[in-house]
Every structure is written in C-alpha cells, then in structure tokens.
N, C-alpha and C. Protein backbone atom coordinates (compact mmCIF):
# COMPACT_ATOMS: atom_id res chain seq x y z
N MET A 1 121.00 140.82 40.00
CA MET A 1 121.12 139.18 40.85
C MET A 1 122.10 138.23 40.61
N TRP A 2 122.75 137.74 40.79
CA TRP A 2 123.48 136.76 40.71
C TRP A 2 122.83 135.74 40.18
N GLN A 3 123.16 135.34 38.98
CA GLN A 3 122.83 133.71 38.39
C GLN A 3 123.77 132.33 38.28
N ASP A 4 123.20 131.46 38.88
CA ASP A 4 124.14 130.01 39.08
C ASP A 4 124.12 129.45 37.30
N PRO A 5 125.23 129.49 36.87
CA PRO A 5 125.18 128.91 35.59
C PRO A 5 124.95 127.64 35.65
N ILE A 6 125.17 126.68 36.71
CA ILE A 6 124.64 125.17 36.85
C ILE A 6 123.27 125.08 36.67
N ILE A 7 122.53 126.25 37.60
CA ILE A 7 121.38 126.28 37.48
C ILE A 7 120.77 126.20 36.10
N GLU A 8 120.90 127.56 35.52
CA GLU A 8 120.67 128.13 34.05
C GLU A 8 120.79 126.94 33.34
N GLU A 9 121.95 126.30 33.10
CA GLU A 9 122.09 125.07 32.22
C GLU A 9 120.65 123.89 32.92
N ILE A 10 120.41 123.73 33.92
CA ILE A 10 119.35 122.79 34.08
C ILE A 10 118.40 123.37 33.50
N HIS A 11 117.93 124.53 33.56
CA HIS A 11 116.26 125.19 33.35
C HIS A 11 116.25 124.95 31.47
N LYS A 12 117.48 124.89 30.92
CA LYS A 12 117.36 125.06 29.90
C LYS A 12 117.40 123.71 29.09
N ILE A 13 118.06 122.50 29.93
CA ILE A 13 117.90 121.17 29.09
C ILE A 13 116.53 120.79 29.88
N ARG A 14 115.75 121.51 31.22
CA ARG A 14 114.34 120.88 31.34
C ARG A 14 113.18 121.58 30.21
N LEU A 15 113.83 122.70 29.49
CA LEU A 15 112.84 123.14 28.65
C LEU A 15 112.98 122.92 27.15
N GLU A 16 114.49 122.11 27.36
CA GLU A 16 114.38 121.41 25.89
C GLU A 16 113.58 120.09 26.01
N ILE A 17 113.33 119.24 27.14
CA ILE A 17 112.97 117.94 27.52
C ILE A 17 111.31 118.43 27.22
N GLU A 18 111.23 119.36 27.79
CA GLU A 18 109.57 119.60 27.96
C GLU A 18 108.98 119.90 26.58
N THR A 19 109.67 120.53 25.58
CA THR A 19 109.71 121.02 24.32
C THR A 19 109.57 119.63 23.13
N ASP A 20 110.36 118.74 23.52
CA ASP A 20 110.81 117.34 22.71
C ASP A 20 109.87 116.57 23.26
N CYS A 21 109.16 116.56 24.45
CA CYS A 21 107.83 115.76 24.85
C CYS A 21 106.40 116.44 24.66
N HIS A 22 106.65 117.63 24.03
CA HIS A 22 105.38 118.55 23.76
C HIS A 22 104.32 118.61 25.34
N CYS A 23 105.52 118.86 25.82
CA CYS A 23 104.67 118.87 27.56
C CYS A 23 103.89 117.93 27.96
N ASN A 24 103.94 117.10 27.13
CA ASN A 24 102.98 115.63 28.11
C ASN A 24 103.75 115.15 29.27
N PHE A 25 103.33 114.99 29.99
CA PHE A 25 103.78 114.37 31.43
C PHE A 25 104.44 112.92 31.27
N ASP A 26 103.12 112.19 30.83
CA ASP A 26 103.43 110.87 30.41
C ASP A 26 104.85 110.40 29.65
N GLU A 27 104.99 111.58 28.53
CA GLU A 27 105.88 111.09 27.89
C GLU A 27 107.23 111.71 28.77
N ILE A 28 107.28 112.47 29.52
CA ILE A 28 108.59 112.88 30.13
C ILE A 28 108.82 111.81 31.12
N PHE A 29 107.77 111.61 31.87
CA PHE A 29 108.21 110.25 32.68
C PHE A 29 108.79 108.80 32.24
N TYR A 30 108.05 108.74 31.31
CA TYR A 30 108.26 107.23 30.30
C TYR A 30 110.33 107.70 29.61
N GLN A 31 110.54 108.68 29.15
CA GLN A 31 111.77 108.91 28.78
C GLN A 31 112.90 109.13 30.14
N ALA A 32 112.07 109.50 31.22
CA ALA A 32 113.27 109.55 32.60
C ALA A 32 113.29 108.13 33.02
N VAL A 33 112.09 107.63 32.80
CA VAL A 33 112.28 105.52 33.10
C VAL A 33 113.36 105.12 32.43
N GLN A 34 113.66 105.38 30.97
CA GLN A 34 113.96 104.75 30.11
C GLN A 34 115.50 105.24 30.47
N ALA A 35 115.69 106.44 30.90
CA ALA A 35 117.03 107.06 30.79
C ALA A 35 117.80 106.50 32.38
N HIS A 36 116.91 106.18 33.35
CA HIS A 36 117.20 105.19 34.51
C HIS A 36 117.61 104.18 34.15
N LYS A 37 116.98 103.03 33.45
CA LYS A 37 117.12 101.73 32.94
C LYS A 37 118.79 101.63 32.13
N GLN A 38 118.67 102.82 31.51
CA GLN A 38 120.43 102.76 30.87
C GLN A 38 121.27 103.32 31.66
N PHE A 39 121.19 104.07 32.58
CA PHE A 39 122.02 104.35 33.80
C PHE A 39 122.54 103.03 34.50
N LEU A 40 121.17 102.30 34.95
CA LEU A 40 121.60 101.28 35.56
C LEU A 40 122.43 99.80 34.99
N LEU A 41 122.28 99.99 33.38
CA LEU A 41 122.88 98.98 32.61
C LEU A 41 124.30 99.57 32.77
N GLN A 42 124.70 100.31 32.95
CA GLN A 42 126.28 101.05 33.00
C GLN A 42 127.25 100.41 33.60
N GLU A 43 128.60 99.82 33.33
CA GLU A 43 129.40 99.16 34.37
C GLU A 43 130.17 100.34 35.32
N PRO A 44 130.00 99.98 36.80
CA PRO A 44 130.08 101.06 37.79
C PRO A 44 131.26 101.10 37.32
N ILE A 45 131.83 102.31 37.88
CA ILE A 45 133.21 102.99 38.07
C ILE A 45 133.48 103.20 39.21
N ILE A 46 135.09 102.26 39.52
CA ILE A 46 135.15 102.35 40.90
C ILE A 46 136.48 103.10 41.14
N MET A 47 136.67 103.65 41.84
CA MET A 47 137.46 104.82 42.02
C MET A 47 138.36 104.04 43.15
N ILE A 48 140.03 104.16 42.50
CA ILE A 48 141.08 103.84 43.17
C ILE A 48 142.03 104.87 43.56
N PRO A 49 142.62 105.10 44.75
CA PRO A 49 142.96 105.96 45.25
C PRO A 49 144.55 105.48 44.67
N ASN A 50 144.99 106.82 44.33
CA ASN A 50 146.38 106.33 44.21
C ASN A 50 147.51 106.77 45.12
N GLN A 51 148.81 105.66 45.06
CA GLN A 51 149.55 105.44 46.14
C GLN A 51 149.81 106.75 47.03
N ALA A 52 149.71 108.00 46.30
CA ALA A 52 150.12 109.25 47.18
C ALA A 52 149.26 109.47 47.99
N SER A 53 148.00 109.57 47.50
CA SER A 53 147.01 109.93 48.79
C SER A 53 146.77 108.87 49.68
N ILE A 54 147.21 107.44 49.48
CA ILE A 54 147.09 106.47 50.77
C ILE A 54 148.19 107.15 51.24
N ASP A 55 149.35 107.30 51.06
CA ASP A 55 150.72 107.63 52.01
C ASP A 55 150.46 108.91 53.14
N LYS A 56 149.45 109.72 52.38
CA LYS A 56 149.57 110.77 52.95
C LYS A 56 148.88 110.74 54.82
N SER A 57 149.34 111.06 55.75
CA SER A 57 149.06 110.67 57.08
C SER A 57 148.86 112.10 57.74
N ILE A 58 147.53 111.70 58.47
CA ILE A 58 147.19 113.06 59.07
C ILE A 58 147.44 112.75 60.65
N ASP A 59 148.58 113.73 61.15
CA ASP A 59 148.79 113.77 62.72
C ASP A 59 147.82 114.28 63.26
N GLU A 60 148.22 113.94 64.79
CA GLU A 60 147.13 113.89 65.80
C GLU A 60 146.87 115.72 65.68
N GLU A 61 147.82 116.26 65.45
CA GLU A 61 147.49 117.90 65.80
C GLU A 61 146.94 118.37 64.35
N SER A 62 147.25 118.10 63.18
CA SER A 62 146.25 118.49 62.22
C SER A 62 145.02 117.98 62.57
N LEU A 63 144.35 116.77 62.50
CA LEU A 63 143.22 116.55 62.88
C LEU A 63 142.71 117.21 63.74
N ARG A 64 143.42 117.99 65.37
CA ARG A 64 142.89 118.61 66.06
C ARG A 64 142.47 120.07 65.46
N GLY A 65 143.15 120.71 64.88
CA GLY A 65 142.89 121.85 63.69
C GLY A 65 141.52 121.40 62.99
N VAL A 66 141.67 120.78 62.44
CA VAL A 66 139.96 120.16 61.39
C VAL A 66 138.87 120.03 62.17
N ILE A 67 139.23 119.17 63.72
CA ILE A 67 137.91 118.91 63.99
C ILE A 67 137.59 120.42 65.36
N GLY A 68 138.76 120.66 65.89
CA GLY A 68 138.38 121.88 66.74
C GLY A 68 138.14 121.89 67.81
C-alpha cells in the first residue's frame, strides 16, 4: 500500500505532541490555542505578482480550451 509522506509526517508530529502533553487533552488544547494566538500575532504575508505574470494575457481561444 502506498503511503503519503505528508500524512506520515502529520502522524509523527501528532504522536510527538501527544507524548509531550502526556496524552492530556486539556494540555494539547491549551498548546493549540497558544500556537493559534502566536500565529495571529504574525505580520501577514502579502503576495504581489511580478510584472511577468501580470503581462500574460489569456486570449479567448485559450480560455475556451480551459473552460471547455
């Protein structure tokens, strides 16, 4: 059976968190809330497209190929 490396990493991290918190749900929840608060305090990252991506135009024929 194929295993997704991303899912495997998620399971590994989940087990580490459970071990660190001694499988105490209240502690896991508390740490999740604290991590969320830290995330909210971060400056937002604004993605500004570069000029090359702005200059690309889609002609009507290409659009029909995408839409079908």
